[in-house]
PDB file of N, CA and C in Angstrom:
ATOM      1  N   UNK A   1      28.205 -12.445  -1.078  1.00  0.00           N
ATOM      2  CA  UNK A   1      27.248 -11.435  -1.495  1.00  0.00           C
ATOM      3  C   UNK A   1      26.203 -12.113  -2.381  1.00  0.00           C
ATOM      4  N   UNK A   2      24.933 -11.838  -2.124  1.00  0.00           N
ATOM      5  CA  UNK A   2      23.875 -12.438  -2.923  1.00  0.00           C
ATOM      6  C   UNK A   2      23.484 -11.523  -4.064  1.00  0.00           C
ATOM      7  N   UNK A   3      23.002 -12.133  -5.138  1.00  0.00           N
ATOM      8  CA  UNK A   3      22.533 -11.357  -6.280  1.00  0.00           C
ATOM      9  C   UNK A   3      21.221 -10.671  -5.916  1.00  0.00           C
ATOM     10  N   UNK A   4      21.011  -9.458  -6.439  1.00  0.00           N
ATOM     11  CA  UNK A   4      19.725  -8.806  -6.200  1.00  0.00           C
ATOM     12  C   UNK A   4      18.609  -9.653  -6.816  1.00  0.00           C
ATOM     13  N   UNK A   5      17.513  -9.717  -6.125  1.00  0.00           N
ATOM     14  CA  UNK A   5      16.404 -10.526  -6.604  1.00  0.00           C
ATOM     15  C   UNK A   5      15.276  -9.604  -7.037  1.00  0.00           C
ATOM     16  N   UNK A   6      14.795  -9.855  -8.226  1.00  0.00           N
ATOM     17  CA  UNK A   6      13.632  -9.114  -8.691  1.00  0.00           C
ATOM     18  C   UNK A   6      12.388  -9.696  -8.036  1.00  0.00           C
ATOM     19  N   UNK A   7      11.440  -8.854  -7.770  1.00  0.00           N
ATOM     20  CA  UNK A   7      10.159  -9.310  -7.227  1.00  0.00           C
ATOM     21  C   UNK A   7       9.065  -8.667  -8.073  1.00  0.00           C
ATOM     22  N   UNK A   8       8.501  -9.449  -8.992  1.00  0.00           N
ATOM     23  CA  UNK A   8       7.520  -8.953  -9.947  1.00  0.00           C
ATOM     24  C   UNK A   8       6.117  -9.091  -9.367  1.00  0.00           C
ATOM     25  N   UNK A   9       5.326  -8.021  -9.533  1.00  0.00           N
ATOM     26  CA  UNK A   9       3.942  -8.032  -9.077  1.00  0.00           C
ATOM     27  C   UNK A   9       3.049  -7.350 -10.103  1.00  0.00           C
ATOM     28  N   UNK A  10       1.784  -7.765 -10.125  1.00  0.00           N
ATOM     29  CA  UNK A  10       0.761  -7.091 -10.913  1.00  0.00           C
ATOM     30  C   UNK A  10      -0.349  -6.681  -9.952  1.00  0.00           C
ATOM     31  N   UNK A  11      -0.742  -5.427 -10.035  1.00  0.00           N
ATOM     32  CA  UNK A  11      -1.869  -4.953  -9.245  1.00  0.00           C
ATOM     33  C   UNK A  11      -3.136  -5.368  -9.986  1.00  0.00           C
ATOM     34  N   UNK A  12      -3.752  -6.431  -9.531  1.00  0.00           N
ATOM     35  CA  UNK A  12      -4.923  -6.987 -10.212  1.00  0.00           C
ATOM     36  C   UNK A  12      -6.125  -6.058 -10.150  1.00  0.00           C
ATOM     37  N   UNK A  13      -6.113  -5.091  -9.245  1.00  0.00           N
ATOM     38  CA  UNK A  13      -7.243  -4.173  -9.156  1.00  0.00           C
ATOM     39  C   UNK A  13      -7.262  -3.163 -10.294  1.00  0.00           C
ATOM     40  N   UNK A  14      -6.101  -2.940 -10.945  1.00  0.00           N
ATOM     41  CA  UNK A  14      -6.065  -2.000 -12.066  1.00  0.00           C
ATOM     42  C   UNK A  14      -5.692  -2.653 -13.390  1.00  0.00           C
ATOM     43  N   UNK A  15      -5.287  -3.914 -13.367  1.00  0.00           N
ATOM     44  CA  UNK A  15      -4.921  -4.629 -14.595  1.00  0.00           C
ATOM     45  C   UNK A  15      -6.148  -4.756 -15.499  1.00  0.00           C
ATOM     46  N   UNK A  16      -5.963  -4.450 -16.785  1.00  0.00           N
ATOM     47  CA  UNK A  16      -7.044  -4.570 -17.758  1.00  0.00           C
ATOM     48  C   UNK A  16      -6.945  -5.852 -18.577  1.00  0.00           C
ATOM     49  N   UNK A  17      -5.918  -6.647 -18.354  1.00  0.00           N
ATOM     50  CA  UNK A  17      -5.780  -7.914 -19.057  1.00  0.00           C
ATOM     51  C   UNK A  17      -5.478  -7.784 -20.542  1.00  0.00           C
ATOM     52  N   UNK A  18      -4.778  -6.730 -20.936  1.00  0.00           N
ATOM     53  CA  UNK A  18      -4.461  -6.530 -22.348  1.00  0.00           C
ATOM     54  C   UNK A  18      -3.518  -7.600 -22.896  1.00  0.00           C
ATOM     55  N   UNK A  19      -2.700  -8.165 -22.023  1.00  0.00           N
ATOM     56  CA  UNK A  19      -1.784  -9.220 -22.432  1.00  0.00           C
ATOM     57  C   UNK A  19      -0.476  -8.749 -23.017  1.00  0.00           C
ATOM     58  N   UNK A  20      -0.232  -7.448 -23.034  1.00  0.00           N
ATOM     59  CA  UNK A  20       1.043  -6.949 -23.561  1.00  0.00           C
ATOM     60  C   UNK A  20       2.213  -7.552 -22.798  1.00  0.00           C
ATOM     61  N   UNK A  21       2.071  -7.639 -21.481  1.00  0.00           N
ATOM     62  CA  UNK A  21       3.156  -8.187 -20.661  1.00  0.00           C
ATOM     63  C   UNK A  21       3.453  -9.635 -21.038  1.00  0.00           C
ATOM     64  N   UNK A  22       2.420 -10.427 -21.269  1.00  0.00           N
ATOM     65  CA  UNK A  22       2.602 -11.835 -21.620  1.00  0.00           C
ATOM     66  C   UNK A  22       3.232 -11.990 -22.997  1.00  0.00           C
ATOM     67  N   UNK A  23       2.932 -11.078 -23.905  1.00  0.00           N
ATOM     68  CA  UNK A  23       3.550 -11.130 -25.244  1.00  0.00           C
ATOM     69  C   UNK A  23       5.027 -10.780 -25.179  1.00  0.00           C
ATOM     70  N   UNK A  24       5.376  -9.877 -24.295  1.00  0.00           N
ATOM     71  CA  UNK A  24       6.768  -9.449 -24.177  1.00  0.00           C
ATOM     72  C   UNK A  24       7.588 -10.411 -23.326  1.00  0.00           C
ATOM     73  N   UNK A  25       7.012 -10.892 -22.238  1.00  0.00           N
ATOM     74  CA  UNK A  25       7.756 -11.742 -21.294  1.00  0.00           C
ATOM     75  C   UNK A  25       6.891 -12.929 -20.873  1.00  0.00           C
ATOM     76  N   UNK A  26       6.664 -13.844 -21.796  1.00  0.00           N
ATOM     77  CA  UNK A  26       5.779 -14.989 -21.532  1.00  0.00           C
ATOM     78  C   UNK A  26       6.333 -15.933 -20.471  1.00  0.00           C
ATOM     79  N   UNK A  27       7.608 -15.827 -20.176  1.00  0.00           N
ATOM     80  CA  UNK A  27       8.204 -16.645 -19.118  1.00  0.00           C
ATOM     81  C   UNK A  27       7.907 -16.086 -17.724  1.00  0.00           C
ATOM     82  N   UNK A  28       7.371 -14.856 -17.675  1.00  0.00           N
ATOM     83  CA  UNK A  28       7.077 -14.213 -16.395  1.00  0.00           C
ATOM     84  C   UNK A  28       5.568 -13.980 -16.197  1.00  0.00           C
ATOM     85  N   UNK A  29       4.848 -13.699 -17.299  1.00  0.00           N
ATOM     86  CA  UNK A  29       3.437 -13.333 -17.213  1.00  0.00           C
ATOM     87  C   UNK A  29       2.553 -14.223 -18.069  1.00  0.00           C
ATOM     88  N   UNK A  30       1.281 -14.304 -17.677  1.00  0.00           N
ATOM     89  CA  UNK A  30       0.239 -14.880 -18.508  1.00  0.00           C
ATOM     90  C   UNK A  30      -1.053 -14.147 -18.149  1.00  0.00           C
ATOM     91  N   UNK A  31      -2.069 -14.302 -18.997  1.00  0.00           N
ATOM     92  CA  UNK A  31      -3.368 -13.713 -18.722  1.00  0.00           C
ATOM     93  C   UNK A  31      -4.339 -14.844 -18.458  1.00  0.00           C
ATOM     94  N   UNK A  32      -5.021 -14.780 -17.329  1.00  0.00           N
ATOM     95  CA  UNK A  32      -6.003 -15.778 -16.936  1.00  0.00           C
ATOM     96  C   UNK A  32      -7.280 -15.063 -16.530  1.00  0.00           C
ATOM     97  N   UNK A  33      -8.371 -15.475 -17.108  1.00  0.00           N
ATOM     98  CA  UNK A  33      -9.669 -14.874 -16.794  1.00  0.00           C
ATOM     99  C   UNK A  33      -9.651 -13.355 -16.922  1.00  0.00           C
ATOM    100  N   UNK A  34      -8.951 -12.869 -17.950  1.00  0.00           N
ATOM    101  CA  UNK A  34      -8.925 -11.436 -18.223  1.00  0.00           C
ATOM    102  C   UNK A  34      -8.056 -10.607 -17.311  1.00  0.00           C
ATOM    103  N   UNK A  35      -7.188 -11.254 -16.537  1.00  0.00           N
ATOM    104  CA  UNK A  35      -6.295 -10.536 -15.624  1.00  0.00           C
ATOM    105  C   UNK A  35      -4.875 -11.062 -15.784  1.00  0.00           C
ATOM    106  N   UNK A  36      -3.913 -10.172 -15.771  1.00  0.00           N
ATOM    107  CA  UNK A  36      -2.518 -10.574 -15.822  1.00  0.00           C
ATOM    108  C   UNK A  36      -2.112 -11.299 -14.554  1.00  0.00           C
ATOM    109  N   UNK A  37      -1.316 -12.350 -14.733  1.00  0.00           N
ATOM    110  CA  UNK A  37      -0.854 -13.166 -13.621  1.00  0.00           C
ATOM    111  C   UNK A  37       0.655 -13.322 -13.730  1.00  0.00           C
ATOM    112  N   UNK A  38       1.343 -13.214 -12.624  1.00  0.00           N
ATOM    113  CA  UNK A  38       2.790 -13.429 -12.591  1.00  0.00           C
ATOM    114  C   UNK A  38       3.031 -14.921 -12.373  1.00  0.00           C
ATOM    115  N   UNK A  39       3.725 -15.552 -13.318  1.00  0.00           N
ATOM    116  CA  UNK A  39       4.017 -16.982 -13.175  1.00  0.00           C
ATOM    117  C   UNK A  39       5.426 -17.225 -12.653  1.00  0.00           C
ATOM    118  N   UNK A  40       6.280 -16.209 -12.722  1.00  0.00           N
ATOM    119  CA  UNK A  40       7.627 -16.293 -12.148  1.00  0.00           C
ATOM    120  C   UNK A  40       7.916 -14.989 -11.413  1.00  0.00           C
ATOM    121  N   UNK A  41       7.564 -14.901 -10.138  1.00  0.00           N
ATOM    122  CA  UNK A  41       7.726 -13.645  -9.414  1.00  0.00           C
ATOM    123  C   UNK A  41       9.173 -13.260  -9.120  1.00  0.00           C
ATOM    124  N   UNK A  42      10.100 -14.187  -9.305  1.00  0.00           N
ATOM    125  CA  UNK A  42      11.513 -13.906  -9.010  1.00  0.00           C
ATOM    126  C   UNK A  42      12.419 -14.304 -10.179  1.00  0.00           C
ATOM    127  N   UNK A  43      12.238 -13.672 -11.350  1.00  0.00           N
ATOM    128  CA  UNK A  43      13.128 -13.993 -12.474  1.00  0.00           C
ATOM    129  C   UNK A  43      14.530 -13.462 -12.197  1.00  0.00           C
ATOM    130  N   UNK A  44      15.486 -13.972 -12.933  1.00  0.00           N
ATOM    131  CA  UNK A  44      16.867 -13.528 -12.723  1.00  0.00           C
ATOM    132  C   UNK A  44      17.027 -12.069 -13.140  1.00  0.00           C
ATOM    133  N   UNK A  45      18.030 -11.463 -12.599  1.00  0.00           N
ATOM    134  CA  UNK A  45      18.338 -10.063 -12.893  1.00  0.00           C
ATOM    135  C   UNK A  45      18.578  -9.850 -14.390  1.00  0.00           C
ATOM    136  N   UNK A  46      18.921 -10.907 -15.111  1.00  0.00           N
ATOM    137  CA  UNK A  46      19.128 -10.817 -16.556  1.00  0.00           C
ATOM    138  C   UNK A  46      17.867 -10.380 -17.290  1.00  0.00           C
ATOM    139  N   UNK A  47      16.711 -10.530 -16.656  1.00  0.00           N
ATOM    140  CA  UNK A  47      15.437 -10.203 -17.295  1.00  0.00           C
ATOM    141  C   UNK A  47      14.963  -8.790 -16.977  1.00  0.00           C
ATOM    142  N   UNK A  48      15.771  -7.991 -16.318  1.00  0.00           N
ATOM    143  CA  UNK A  48      15.356  -6.645 -15.908  1.00  0.00           C
ATOM    144  C   UNK A  48      14.957  -5.775 -17.097  1.00  0.00           C
ATOM    145  N   UNK A  49      15.668  -5.849 -18.191  1.00  0.00           N
ATOM    146  CA  UNK A  49      15.358  -5.016 -19.354  1.00  0.00           C
ATOM    147  C   UNK A  49      14.005  -5.370 -19.947  1.00  0.00           C
ATOM    148  N   UNK A  50      13.729  -6.650 -20.082  1.00  0.00           N
ATOM    149  CA  UNK A  50      12.452  -7.068 -20.643  1.00  0.00           C
ATOM    150  C   UNK A  50      11.302  -6.770 -19.690  1.00  0.00           C
ATOM    151  N   UNK A  51      11.560  -6.842 -18.396  1.00  0.00           N
ATOM    152  CA  UNK A  51      10.529  -6.479 -17.416  1.00  0.00           C
ATOM    153  C   UNK A  51      10.237  -4.983 -17.470  1.00  0.00           C
ATOM    154  N   UNK A  52      11.262  -4.193 -17.669  1.00  0.00           N
ATOM    155  CA  UNK A  52      11.068  -2.752 -17.814  1.00  0.00           C
ATOM    156  C   UNK A  52      10.197  -2.460 -19.033  1.00  0.00           C
ATOM    157  N   UNK A  53      10.445  -3.166 -20.127  1.00  0.00           N
ATOM    158  CA  UNK A  53       9.637  -2.985 -21.330  1.00  0.00           C
ATOM    159  C   UNK A  53       8.180  -3.372 -21.064  1.00  0.00           C
ATOM    160  N   UNK A  54       7.968  -4.516 -20.416  1.00  0.00           N
ATOM    161  CA  UNK A  54       6.608  -4.962 -20.106  1.00  0.00           C
ATOM    162  C   UNK A  54       5.894  -3.962 -19.212  1.00  0.00           C
ATOM    163  N   UNK A  55       6.586  -3.446 -18.210  1.00  0.00           N
ATOM    164  CA  UNK A  55       5.984  -2.478 -17.303  1.00  0.00           C
ATOM    165  C   UNK A  55       5.664  -1.165 -18.022  1.00  0.00           C
ATOM    166  N   UNK A  56       6.508  -0.785 -18.954  1.00  0.00           N
ATOM    167  CA  UNK A  56       6.319   0.459 -19.691  1.00  0.00           C
ATOM    168  C   UNK A  56       5.124   0.391 -20.635  1.00  0.00           C
ATOM    169  N   UNK A  57       4.915  -0.738 -21.292  1.00  0.00           N
ATOM    170  CA  UNK A  57       3.801  -0.850 -22.239  1.00  0.00           C
ATOM    171  C   UNK A  57       2.475  -1.137 -21.562  1.00  0.00           C
ATOM    172  N   UNK A  58       2.486  -1.473 -20.305  1.00  0.00           N
ATOM    173  CA  UNK A  58       1.240  -1.722 -19.578  1.00  0.00           C
ATOM    174  C   UNK A  58       0.431  -0.427 -19.517  1.00  0.00           C
ATOM    175  N   UNK A  59      -0.765  -0.416 -20.093  1.00  0.00           N
ATOM    176  CA  UNK A  59      -1.521   0.836 -20.151  1.00  0.00           C
ATOM    177  C   UNK A  59      -1.961   1.367 -18.786  1.00  0.00           C
ATOM    178  N   UNK A  60      -2.058   0.532 -17.783  1.00  0.00           N
ATOM    179  CA  UNK A  60      -2.472   0.991 -16.460  1.00  0.00           C
ATOM    180  C   UNK A  60      -1.319   1.048 -15.464  1.00  0.00           C
ATOM    181  N   UNK A  61      -0.118   0.696 -15.919  1.00  0.00           N
ATOM    182  CA  UNK A  61       1.077   0.681 -15.062  1.00  0.00           C
ATOM    183  C   UNK A  61       0.872  -0.236 -13.852  1.00  0.00           C
ATOM    184  N   UNK A  62       0.274  -1.387 -14.104  1.00  0.00           N
ATOM    185  CA  UNK A  62      -0.050  -2.335 -13.032  1.00  0.00           C
ATOM    186  C   UNK A  62       1.148  -3.186 -12.605  1.00  0.00           C
ATOM    187  N   UNK A  63       2.232  -3.150 -13.384  1.00  0.00           N
ATOM    188  CA  UNK A  63       3.389  -4.009 -13.128  1.00  0.00           C
ATOM    189  C   UNK A  63       4.461  -3.276 -12.338  1.00  0.00           C
ATOM    190  N   UNK A  64       4.940  -3.910 -11.283  1.00  0.00           N
ATOM    191  CA  UNK A  64       6.096  -3.412 -10.552  1.00  0.00           C
ATOM    192  C   UNK A  64       7.097  -4.557 -10.408  1.00  0.00           C
ATOM    193  N   UNK A  65       8.356  -4.203 -10.268  1.00  0.00           N
ATOM    194  CA  UNK A  65       9.408  -5.210 -10.089  1.00  0.00           C
ATOM    195  C   UNK A  65      10.570  -4.639  -9.314  1.00  0.00           C
TER     196      UNK A  65
END
């Protein structure tokens, strides 16, 4: 049986580049040219709680996982 894999995405069309996600989960997100970027699209399931926090604080709800 394989472990569930997270698949993190940012909708760049609605991202405002606030950087909240990068402050909360810098191992998964960064901001480049005013837009959030996913640097680790498949973090371990251990990071689900922190990803939920990052997605929740995103003012445009641009983060999915």
